[in-house]
Amino acid sequence: MSYLLSDTSFWTFLGLVLFFVVIWRAGAFKAIGKALDDRAEAIRTELDEARRLREEAQELLATYKRKQSEAAEDAKKTIRQAKADAERMREEAQREIAERIERRTALAETRIAQAEAAAAKEVKALAADLAVDAAKELLTGKLSKTQRNALVKADIASVKDRLN
């Protein structure tokens, strides 16, 4: 045994064993175990929190995807409605233009008819004036007074028949 007391390896081993005994008696192993347990619990808590956050993120993603699809559908509905409104406005404008053209055409036809009537009236009045002048000239120059009176009476009667 004396050789053990002179061996440095023995003393190193003995020192190591004493060190572990002191540490064990001081409760260092419990503290290390507790620290490791606390660390494991903290990691578990962080993992649970990360899992919860991941689930929330997936829910948010699903919500946003749903909202995006709803917004896309709303945009499609709005576009369809705008196209329908534009088509309705175009048809209404075409109908209004057609009505305006019809009214203006009718107005132009009425004005043309009035102008034709006025022109015919003027021509008749001019023809009547010329006929009166010609008749006056004929009557004053060649007919006797009784012949003229008879001719005037006949003309008045024919004018009455034409007017009625």
N, C-alpha and C. Protein backbone atom coordinates (compact mmCIF):
# COMPACT_ATOMS: atom_id res chain seq x y z
N MET A 1 0.79 -1.17 0.00
CA MET A 1 0.00 0.00 0.00
C MET A 1 0.85 1.25 0.00
N SER A 2 2.01 1.10 0.42
CA SER A 2 2.89 2.24 0.44
C SER A 2 3.19 2.73 -0.98
N TYR A 3 3.17 1.80 -1.87
CA TYR A 3 3.41 2.25 -3.24
C TYR A 3 2.26 3.12 -3.71
N LEU A 4 1.06 2.94 -3.15
CA LEU A 4 -0.09 3.76 -3.53
C LEU A 4 0.07 5.19 -3.02
N LEU A 5 0.64 5.33 -1.84
CA LEU A 5 0.77 6.65 -1.27
C LEU A 5 1.81 7.47 -2.02
N SER A 6 2.69 6.84 -2.69
CA SER A 6 3.69 7.59 -3.43
C SER A 6 3.29 7.80 -4.89
N ASP A 7 2.21 7.15 -5.32
CA ASP A 7 1.77 7.27 -6.72
C ASP A 7 0.88 8.51 -6.87
N THR A 8 1.22 9.37 -7.81
CA THR A 8 0.44 10.61 -8.04
C THR A 8 -0.90 10.32 -8.67
N SER A 9 -0.98 9.28 -9.38
CA SER A 9 -2.26 8.94 -10.01
C SER A 9 -3.27 8.60 -8.93
N PHE A 10 -2.82 7.93 -7.87
CA PHE A 10 -3.70 7.58 -6.79
C PHE A 10 -4.26 8.84 -6.14
N TRP A 11 -3.40 9.80 -5.88
CA TRP A 11 -3.82 11.03 -5.22
C TRP A 11 -4.75 11.85 -6.14
N THR A 12 -4.49 11.77 -7.38
CA THR A 12 -5.38 12.49 -8.32
C THR A 12 -6.76 11.85 -8.32
N PHE A 13 -6.75 10.49 -8.30
CA PHE A 13 -8.03 9.79 -8.29
C PHE A 13 -8.77 10.07 -7.00
N LEU A 14 -8.02 10.02 -5.87
CA LEU A 14 -8.61 10.28 -4.57
C LEU A 14 -9.16 11.71 -4.51
N GLY A 15 -8.46 12.64 -5.07
CA GLY A 15 -8.93 14.04 -5.10
C GLY A 15 -10.20 14.18 -5.94
N LEU A 16 -10.21 13.45 -6.99
CA LEU A 16 -11.40 13.48 -7.86
C LEU A 16 -12.60 12.88 -7.14
N VAL A 17 -12.41 11.77 -6.46
CA VAL A 17 -13.50 11.14 -5.72
C VAL A 17 -13.97 12.08 -4.63
N LEU A 18 -13.06 12.69 -3.88
CA LEU A 18 -13.43 13.63 -2.82
C LEU A 18 -14.17 14.83 -3.41
N PHE A 19 -13.74 15.27 -4.54
CA PHE A 19 -14.41 16.40 -5.19
C PHE A 19 -15.87 16.04 -5.50
N PHE A 20 -16.09 14.82 -6.06
CA PHE A 20 -17.45 14.41 -6.39
C PHE A 20 -18.30 14.21 -5.14
N VAL A 21 -17.67 13.71 -4.04
CA VAL A 21 -18.39 13.51 -2.78
C VAL A 21 -18.79 14.87 -2.23
N VAL A 22 -17.92 15.83 -2.26
CA VAL A 22 -18.22 17.17 -1.76
C VAL A 22 -19.32 17.81 -2.60
N ILE A 23 -19.20 17.64 -3.86
CA ILE A 23 -20.23 18.21 -4.75
C ILE A 23 -21.57 17.54 -4.49
N TRP A 24 -21.53 16.21 -4.27
CA TRP A 24 -22.77 15.48 -4.03
C TRP A 24 -23.39 15.90 -2.71
N ARG A 25 -22.59 16.07 -1.71
CA ARG A 25 -23.07 16.47 -0.39
C ARG A 25 -23.58 17.91 -0.42
N ALA A 26 -22.99 18.72 -1.20
CA ALA A 26 -23.40 20.11 -1.28
C ALA A 26 -24.71 20.25 -2.09
N GLY A 27 -25.13 19.18 -2.78
CA GLY A 27 -26.37 19.22 -3.56
C GLY A 27 -26.18 19.77 -4.95
N ALA A 28 -24.97 19.74 -5.42
CA ALA A 28 -24.68 20.27 -6.75
C ALA A 28 -25.36 19.43 -7.83
N PHE A 29 -25.44 18.11 -7.59
CA PHE A 29 -26.08 17.26 -8.60
C PHE A 29 -27.57 17.59 -8.72
N LYS A 30 -28.17 17.86 -7.54
CA LYS A 30 -29.58 18.24 -7.56
C LYS A 30 -29.75 19.58 -8.29
N ALA A 31 -28.85 20.51 -8.03
CA ALA A 31 -28.92 21.82 -8.67
C ALA A 31 -28.71 21.69 -10.17
N ILE A 32 -27.75 20.82 -10.54
CA ILE A 32 -27.50 20.62 -11.97
C ILE A 32 -28.71 19.94 -12.61
N GLY A 33 -29.26 18.92 -11.91
CA GLY A 33 -30.45 18.23 -12.41
C GLY A 33 -31.63 19.20 -12.52
N LYS A 34 -31.79 20.04 -11.45
CA LYS A 34 -32.88 21.01 -11.48
C LYS A 34 -32.67 22.01 -12.62
N ALA A 35 -31.45 22.44 -12.82
CA ALA A 35 -31.16 23.39 -13.91
C ALA A 35 -31.46 22.74 -15.26
N LEU A 36 -31.06 21.47 -15.37
CA LEU A 36 -31.35 20.77 -16.63
C LEU A 36 -32.86 20.57 -16.82
N ASP A 37 -33.55 20.23 -15.72
CA ASP A 37 -35.01 20.08 -15.79
C ASP A 37 -35.68 21.41 -16.15
N ASP A 38 -35.19 22.50 -15.50
CA ASP A 38 -35.75 23.83 -15.81
C ASP A 38 -35.50 24.18 -17.28
N ARG A 39 -34.30 23.86 -17.73
CA ARG A 39 -33.96 24.14 -19.14
C ARG A 39 -34.85 23.32 -20.07
N ALA A 40 -35.08 22.04 -19.72
CA ALA A 40 -35.95 21.19 -20.53
C ALA A 40 -37.37 21.74 -20.52
N GLU A 41 -37.84 22.18 -19.35
CA GLU A 41 -39.19 22.75 -19.25
C GLU A 41 -39.29 24.03 -20.08
N ALA A 42 -38.26 24.87 -20.03
CA ALA A 42 -38.26 26.11 -20.83
C ALA A 42 -38.31 25.77 -22.31
N ILE A 43 -37.54 24.76 -22.71
CA ILE A 43 -37.54 24.35 -24.12
C ILE A 43 -38.92 23.81 -24.50
N ARG A 44 -39.52 22.99 -23.58
CA ARG A 44 -40.85 22.45 -23.84
C ARG A 44 -41.86 23.59 -23.97
N THR A 45 -41.78 24.59 -23.09
CA THR A 45 -42.68 25.75 -23.14
C THR A 45 -42.49 26.51 -24.45
N GLU A 46 -41.24 26.71 -24.84
CA GLU A 46 -40.97 27.40 -26.10
C GLU A 46 -41.52 26.60 -27.29
N LEU A 47 -41.37 25.28 -27.24
CA LEU A 47 -41.91 24.45 -28.32
C LEU A 47 -43.44 24.53 -28.37
N ASP A 48 -44.07 24.50 -27.17
CA ASP A 48 -45.53 24.65 -27.13
C ASP A 48 -45.96 26.01 -27.67
N GLU A 49 -45.22 27.04 -27.28
CA GLU A 49 -45.52 28.39 -27.78
C GLU A 49 -45.33 28.46 -29.29
N ALA A 50 -44.25 27.85 -29.76
CA ALA A 50 -43.99 27.84 -31.21
C ALA A 50 -45.10 27.08 -31.94
N ARG A 51 -45.54 25.96 -31.36
CA ARG A 51 -46.63 25.18 -31.96
C ARG A 51 -47.92 26.01 -32.00
N ARG A 52 -48.19 26.69 -30.88
CA ARG A 52 -49.40 27.54 -30.81
C ARG A 52 -49.31 28.68 -31.83
N LEU A 53 -48.15 29.30 -31.92
CA LEU A 53 -47.97 30.39 -32.89
C LEU A 53 -48.11 29.88 -34.32
N ARG A 54 -47.60 28.66 -34.56
CA ARG A 54 -47.71 28.07 -35.90
C ARG A 54 -49.18 27.84 -36.24
N GLU A 55 -49.94 27.31 -35.28
CA GLU A 55 -51.37 27.09 -35.51
C GLU A 55 -52.09 28.40 -35.76
N GLU A 56 -51.77 29.43 -34.98
CA GLU A 56 -52.37 30.75 -35.20
C GLU A 56 -52.01 31.28 -36.59
N ALA A 57 -50.75 31.09 -36.97
CA ALA A 57 -50.31 31.56 -38.29
C ALA A 57 -51.06 30.81 -39.39
N GLN A 58 -51.27 29.50 -39.19
CA GLN A 58 -52.01 28.75 -40.20
C GLN A 58 -53.46 29.22 -40.26
N GLU A 59 -54.05 29.50 -39.10
CA GLU A 59 -55.42 30.02 -39.08
C GLU A 59 -55.48 31.38 -39.78
N LEU A 60 -54.51 32.23 -39.48
CA LEU A 60 -54.47 33.55 -40.13
C LEU A 60 -54.29 33.40 -41.64
N LEU A 61 -53.42 32.47 -42.03
CA LEU A 61 -53.20 32.23 -43.45
C LEU A 61 -54.49 31.76 -44.11
N ALA A 62 -55.19 30.83 -43.48
CA ALA A 62 -56.46 30.35 -44.03
C ALA A 62 -57.47 31.49 -44.10
N THR A 63 -57.51 32.33 -43.06
CA THR A 63 -58.42 33.48 -43.05
C THR A 63 -58.10 34.44 -44.19
N TYR A 64 -56.81 34.73 -44.36
CA TYR A 64 -56.43 35.66 -45.42
C TYR A 64 -56.68 35.07 -46.80
N LYS A 65 -56.45 33.75 -46.93
CA LYS A 65 -56.74 33.12 -48.23
C LYS A 65 -58.24 33.19 -48.52
N ARG A 66 -59.05 32.95 -47.50
CA ARG A 66 -60.50 33.04 -47.67
C ARG A 66 -60.91 34.47 -48.04
N LYS A 67 -60.33 35.43 -47.31
CA LYS A 67 -60.64 36.84 -47.61
C LYS A 67 -60.19 37.21 -49.00
N GLN A 68 -59.03 36.68 -49.41
CA GLN A 68 -58.52 36.97 -50.75
C GLN A 68 -59.46 36.39 -51.80
N SER A 69 -59.93 35.16 -51.59
CA SER A 69 -60.84 34.57 -52.57
C SER A 69 -62.17 35.31 -52.57
N GLU A 70 -62.63 35.76 -51.39
CA GLU A 70 -63.86 36.56 -51.34
C GLU A 70 -63.66 37.88 -52.06
N ALA A 71 -62.51 38.50 -51.86
CA ALA A 71 -62.22 39.77 -52.54
C ALA A 71 -62.15 39.56 -54.05
N ALA A 72 -61.54 38.45 -54.47
CA ALA A 72 -61.47 38.16 -55.90
C ALA A 72 -62.87 37.95 -56.46
N GLU A 73 -63.71 37.25 -55.73
CA GLU A 73 -65.10 37.02 -56.18
C GLU A 73 -65.86 38.33 -56.21
N ASP A 74 -65.65 39.17 -55.20
CA ASP A 74 -66.29 40.49 -55.20
C ASP A 74 -65.82 41.32 -56.39
N ALA A 75 -64.54 41.24 -56.70
CA ALA A 75 -64.01 41.98 -57.85
C ALA A 75 -64.65 41.46 -59.14
N LYS A 76 -64.80 40.13 -59.25
CA LYS A 76 -65.44 39.57 -60.44
C LYS A 76 -66.89 40.03 -60.54
N LYS A 77 -67.59 40.03 -59.40
CA LYS A 77 -68.98 40.50 -59.40
C LYS A 77 -69.05 41.97 -59.81
N THR A 78 -68.13 42.77 -59.27
CA THR A 78 -68.11 44.19 -59.60
C THR A 78 -67.84 44.40 -61.08
N ILE A 79 -66.92 43.61 -61.64
CA ILE A 79 -66.61 43.73 -63.06
C ILE A 79 -67.83 43.32 -63.89
N ARG A 80 -68.48 42.21 -63.50
CA ARG A 80 -69.69 41.79 -64.23
C ARG A 80 -70.76 42.87 -64.17
N GLN A 81 -70.94 43.45 -62.98
CA GLN A 81 -71.95 44.50 -62.82
C GLN A 81 -71.60 45.73 -63.65
N ALA A 82 -70.32 46.08 -63.66
CA ALA A 82 -69.88 47.24 -64.45
C ALA A 82 -70.11 46.99 -65.93
N LYS A 83 -69.80 45.76 -66.39
CA LYS A 83 -70.04 45.44 -67.80
C LYS A 83 -71.53 45.50 -68.13
N ALA A 84 -72.35 44.97 -67.22
CA ALA A 84 -73.81 45.01 -67.44
C ALA A 84 -74.29 46.46 -67.47
N ASP A 85 -73.78 47.27 -66.54
CA ASP A 85 -74.16 48.69 -66.52
C ASP A 85 -73.72 49.39 -67.80
N ALA A 86 -72.51 49.10 -68.25
CA ALA A 86 -72.01 49.72 -69.48
C ALA A 86 -72.86 49.31 -70.68
N GLU A 87 -73.23 48.03 -70.73
CA GLU A 87 -74.06 47.55 -71.83
C GLU A 87 -75.44 48.21 -71.79
N ARG A 88 -76.00 48.32 -70.57
CA ARG A 88 -77.30 48.97 -70.43
C ARG A 88 -77.20 50.44 -70.85
N MET A 89 -76.13 51.12 -70.45
CA MET A 89 -75.95 52.52 -70.82
C MET A 89 -75.79 52.66 -72.33
N ARG A 90 -75.04 51.72 -72.94
CA ARG A 90 -74.84 51.78 -74.39
C ARG A 90 -76.17 51.60 -75.11
N GLU A 91 -76.97 50.62 -74.65
CA GLU A 91 -78.28 50.39 -75.28
C GLU A 91 -79.19 51.60 -75.10
N GLU A 92 -79.14 52.18 -73.90
CA GLU A 92 -79.96 53.36 -73.62
C GLU A 92 -79.53 54.53 -74.51
N ALA A 93 -78.22 54.71 -74.66
CA ALA A 93 -77.72 55.79 -75.51
C ALA A 93 -78.12 55.56 -76.96
N GLN A 94 -78.04 54.30 -77.42
CA GLN A 94 -78.45 54.01 -78.80
C GLN A 94 -79.95 54.29 -78.98
N ARG A 95 -80.75 53.90 -77.97
CA ARG A 95 -82.19 54.15 -78.06
C ARG A 95 -82.47 55.65 -78.08
N GLU A 96 -81.78 56.40 -77.22
CA GLU A 96 -81.97 57.86 -77.19
C GLU A 96 -81.56 58.49 -78.51
N ILE A 97 -80.44 58.03 -79.08
CA ILE A 97 -79.99 58.57 -80.37
C ILE A 97 -81.01 58.25 -81.45
N ALA A 98 -81.54 57.03 -81.44
CA ALA A 98 -82.55 56.65 -82.44
C ALA A 98 -83.80 57.52 -82.28
N GLU A 99 -84.21 57.76 -81.02
CA GLU A 99 -85.38 58.61 -80.79
C GLU A 99 -85.12 60.04 -81.26
N ARG A 100 -83.94 60.55 -80.99
CA ARG A 100 -83.60 61.91 -81.45
C ARG A 100 -83.60 62.00 -82.96
N ILE A 101 -83.02 60.99 -83.59
CA ILE A 101 -82.99 60.98 -85.07
C ILE A 101 -84.42 60.93 -85.60
N GLU A 102 -85.27 60.11 -84.98
CA GLU A 102 -86.68 60.03 -85.42
C GLU A 102 -87.38 61.37 -85.25
N ARG A 103 -87.17 62.00 -84.09
CA ARG A 103 -87.82 63.30 -83.85
C ARG A 103 -87.32 64.34 -84.85
N ARG A 104 -86.01 64.36 -85.07
CA ARG A 104 -85.46 65.36 -86.00
C ARG A 104 -85.92 65.08 -87.43
N THR A 105 -85.99 63.79 -87.77
CA THR A 105 -86.48 63.44 -89.11
C THR A 105 -87.93 63.88 -89.27
N ALA A 106 -88.75 63.61 -88.25
CA ALA A 106 -90.16 64.02 -88.30
C ALA A 106 -90.26 65.54 -88.38
N LEU A 107 -89.44 66.23 -87.59
CA LEU A 107 -89.45 67.69 -87.62
C LEU A 107 -89.03 68.21 -89.00
N ALA A 108 -87.99 67.60 -89.57
CA ALA A 108 -87.53 68.02 -90.90
C ALA A 108 -88.62 67.75 -91.94
N GLU A 109 -89.27 66.58 -91.83
CA GLU A 109 -90.35 66.27 -92.79
C GLU A 109 -91.50 67.26 -92.65
N THR A 110 -91.80 67.62 -91.40
CA THR A 110 -92.87 68.60 -91.17
C THR A 110 -92.49 69.96 -91.77
N ARG A 111 -91.25 70.36 -91.56
CA ARG A 111 -90.79 71.64 -92.12
C ARG A 111 -90.80 71.61 -93.64
N ILE A 112 -90.38 70.46 -94.19
CA ILE A 112 -90.39 70.33 -95.66
C ILE A 112 -91.83 70.42 -96.17
N ALA A 113 -92.74 69.73 -95.48
CA ALA A 113 -94.15 69.77 -95.89
C ALA A 113 -94.69 71.19 -95.79
N GLN A 114 -94.32 71.88 -94.70
CA GLN A 114 -94.78 73.27 -94.55
C GLN A 114 -94.19 74.16 -95.65
N ALA A 115 -92.90 73.94 -95.95
CA ALA A 115 -92.27 74.74 -97.01
C ALA A 115 -92.93 74.44 -98.35
N GLU A 116 -93.23 73.16 -98.61
CA GLU A 116 -93.91 72.80 -99.87
C GLU A 116 -95.28 73.45 -99.93
N ALA A 117 -96.00 73.41 -98.79
CA ALA A 117 -97.34 74.02 -98.76
C ALA A 117 -97.24 75.52 -98.98
N ALA A 118 -96.23 76.15 -98.33
CA ALA A 118 -96.06 77.60 -98.50
C ALA A 118 -95.69 77.92 -99.94
N ALA A 119 -94.81 77.10 -100.52
CA ALA A 119 -94.42 77.33 -101.92
C ALA A 119 -95.61 77.13 -102.84
N ALA A 120 -96.39 76.08 -102.59
CA ALA A 120 -97.57 75.84 -103.43
C ALA A 120 -98.57 76.99 -103.29
N LYS A 121 -98.70 77.48 -102.07
CA LYS A 121 -99.61 78.61 -101.82
C LYS A 121 -99.14 79.85 -102.58
N GLU A 122 -97.82 80.07 -102.51
CA GLU A 122 -97.26 81.22 -103.22
C GLU A 122 -97.47 81.08 -104.73
N VAL A 123 -97.21 79.86 -105.22
CA VAL A 123 -97.39 79.63 -106.67
C VAL A 123 -98.85 79.83 -107.04
N LYS A 124 -99.75 79.32 -106.22
CA LYS A 124 -101.18 79.49 -106.50
C LYS A 124 -101.56 80.97 -106.47
N ALA A 125 -101.02 81.66 -105.42
CA ALA A 125 -101.34 83.09 -105.31
C ALA A 125 -100.78 83.84 -106.52
N LEU A 126 -99.56 83.50 -106.93
CA LEU A 126 -98.96 84.15 -108.10
C LEU A 126 -99.75 83.81 -109.36
N ALA A 127 -100.12 82.54 -109.47
CA ALA A 127 -100.92 82.13 -110.64
C ALA A 127 -102.26 82.84 -110.63
N ALA A 128 -102.84 82.97 -109.45
CA ALA A 128 -104.12 83.66 -109.35
C ALA A 128 -103.96 85.13 -109.73
N ASP A 129 -102.89 85.75 -109.22
CA ASP A 129 -102.65 87.15 -109.57
C ASP A 129 -102.45 87.31 -111.07
N LEU A 130 -101.66 86.38 -111.66
CA LEU A 130 -101.45 86.44 -113.11
C LEU A 130 -102.74 86.21 -113.88
N ALA A 131 -103.53 85.28 -113.37
CA ALA A 131 -104.81 85.00 -114.03
C ALA A 131 -105.73 86.20 -113.92
N VAL A 132 -105.71 86.83 -112.74
CA VAL A 132 -106.55 88.02 -112.56
C VAL A 132 -106.08 89.13 -113.49
N ASP A 133 -104.75 89.32 -113.54
CA ASP A 133 -104.22 90.38 -114.43
C ASP A 133 -104.56 90.06 -115.90
N ALA A 134 -104.38 88.78 -116.25
CA ALA A 134 -104.67 88.39 -117.65
C ALA A 134 -106.17 88.53 -117.93
N ALA A 135 -106.98 88.14 -116.98
CA ALA A 135 -108.43 88.24 -117.17
C ALA A 135 -108.85 89.69 -117.23
N LYS A 136 -108.21 90.48 -116.40
CA LYS A 136 -108.54 91.91 -116.38
C LYS A 136 -108.22 92.54 -117.73
N GLU A 137 -107.07 92.16 -118.23
CA GLU A 137 -106.66 92.69 -119.53
C GLU A 137 -107.61 92.24 -120.64
N LEU A 138 -107.97 90.97 -120.58
CA LEU A 138 -108.89 90.43 -121.60
C LEU A 138 -110.25 91.07 -121.48
N LEU A 139 -110.68 91.18 -120.24
CA LEU A 139 -112.02 91.69 -120.02
C LEU A 139 -112.12 93.18 -120.38
N THR A 140 -111.14 93.90 -120.02
CA THR A 140 -111.21 95.34 -120.28
C THR A 140 -111.06 95.64 -121.76
N GLY A 141 -110.36 94.80 -122.41
CA GLY A 141 -110.10 95.09 -123.81
C GLY A 141 -111.14 94.55 -124.77
N LYS A 142 -111.73 93.42 -124.57
CA LYS A 142 -112.52 92.78 -125.61
C LYS A 142 -113.96 92.53 -125.21
N LEU A 143 -114.28 92.45 -123.95
CA LEU A 143 -115.62 92.05 -123.55
C LEU A 143 -116.45 93.27 -123.18
N SER A 144 -117.75 93.08 -123.37
CA SER A 144 -118.66 94.14 -122.96
C SER A 144 -118.91 94.01 -121.47
N LYS A 145 -119.57 94.97 -120.91
CA LYS A 145 -119.79 95.00 -119.49
C LYS A 145 -120.64 93.82 -119.05
N THR A 146 -121.68 93.45 -119.70
CA THR A 146 -122.53 92.31 -119.33
C THR A 146 -121.78 91.00 -119.45
N GLN A 147 -120.94 90.90 -120.48
CA GLN A 147 -120.16 89.67 -120.61
C GLN A 147 -119.15 89.55 -119.45
N ARG A 148 -118.59 90.69 -119.09
CA ARG A 148 -117.63 90.68 -118.00
C ARG A 148 -118.32 90.28 -116.69
N ASN A 149 -119.51 90.84 -116.39
CA ASN A 149 -120.23 90.51 -115.16
C ASN A 149 -120.59 89.03 -115.12
N ALA A 150 -121.01 88.48 -116.23
CA ALA A 150 -121.36 87.05 -116.28
C ALA A 150 -120.12 86.20 -116.05
N LEU A 151 -119.01 86.59 -116.61
CA LEU A 151 -117.75 85.85 -116.43
C LEU A 151 -117.29 85.91 -114.97
N VAL A 152 -117.41 87.08 -114.32
CA VAL A 152 -117.01 87.23 -112.93
C VAL A 152 -117.88 86.35 -112.05
N LYS A 153 -119.21 86.34 -112.31
CA LYS A 153 -120.11 85.50 -111.52
C LYS A 153 -119.76 84.02 -111.68
N ALA A 154 -119.43 83.61 -112.88
CA ALA A 154 -119.07 82.21 -113.12
C ALA A 154 -117.76 81.86 -112.41
N ASP A 155 -116.82 82.77 -112.45
CA ASP A 155 -115.54 82.53 -111.77
C ASP A 155 -115.72 82.47 -110.24
N ILE A 156 -116.56 83.36 -109.71
CA ILE A 156 -116.82 83.35 -108.26
C ILE A 156 -117.45 82.01 -107.86
N ALA A 157 -118.36 81.53 -108.66
CA ALA A 157 -119.02 80.25 -108.38
C ALA A 157 -118.00 79.12 -108.45
N SER A 158 -117.10 79.15 -109.42
CA SER A 158 -116.11 78.06 -109.53
C SER A 158 -115.12 78.13 -108.38
N VAL A 159 -114.78 79.35 -107.91
CA VAL A 159 -113.88 79.48 -106.76
C VAL A 159 -114.56 78.92 -105.52
N LYS A 160 -115.88 79.22 -105.33
CA LYS A 160 -116.61 78.68 -104.19
C LYS A 160 -116.60 77.15 -104.22
N ASP A 161 -116.80 76.58 -105.39
CA ASP A 161 -116.80 75.11 -105.50
C ASP A 161 -115.42 74.53 -105.19
N ARG A 162 -114.41 75.18 -105.61
CA ARG A 162 -113.05 74.69 -105.36
C ARG A 162 -112.66 74.80 -103.88
N LEU A 163 -113.10 75.85 -103.22
CA LEU A 163 -112.75 76.05 -101.81
C LEU A 163 -113.51 75.10 -100.90
N ASN A 164 -114.72 74.76 -101.30
CA ASN A 164 -115.52 73.85 -100.45
C ASN A 164 -115.22 72.47 -100.84
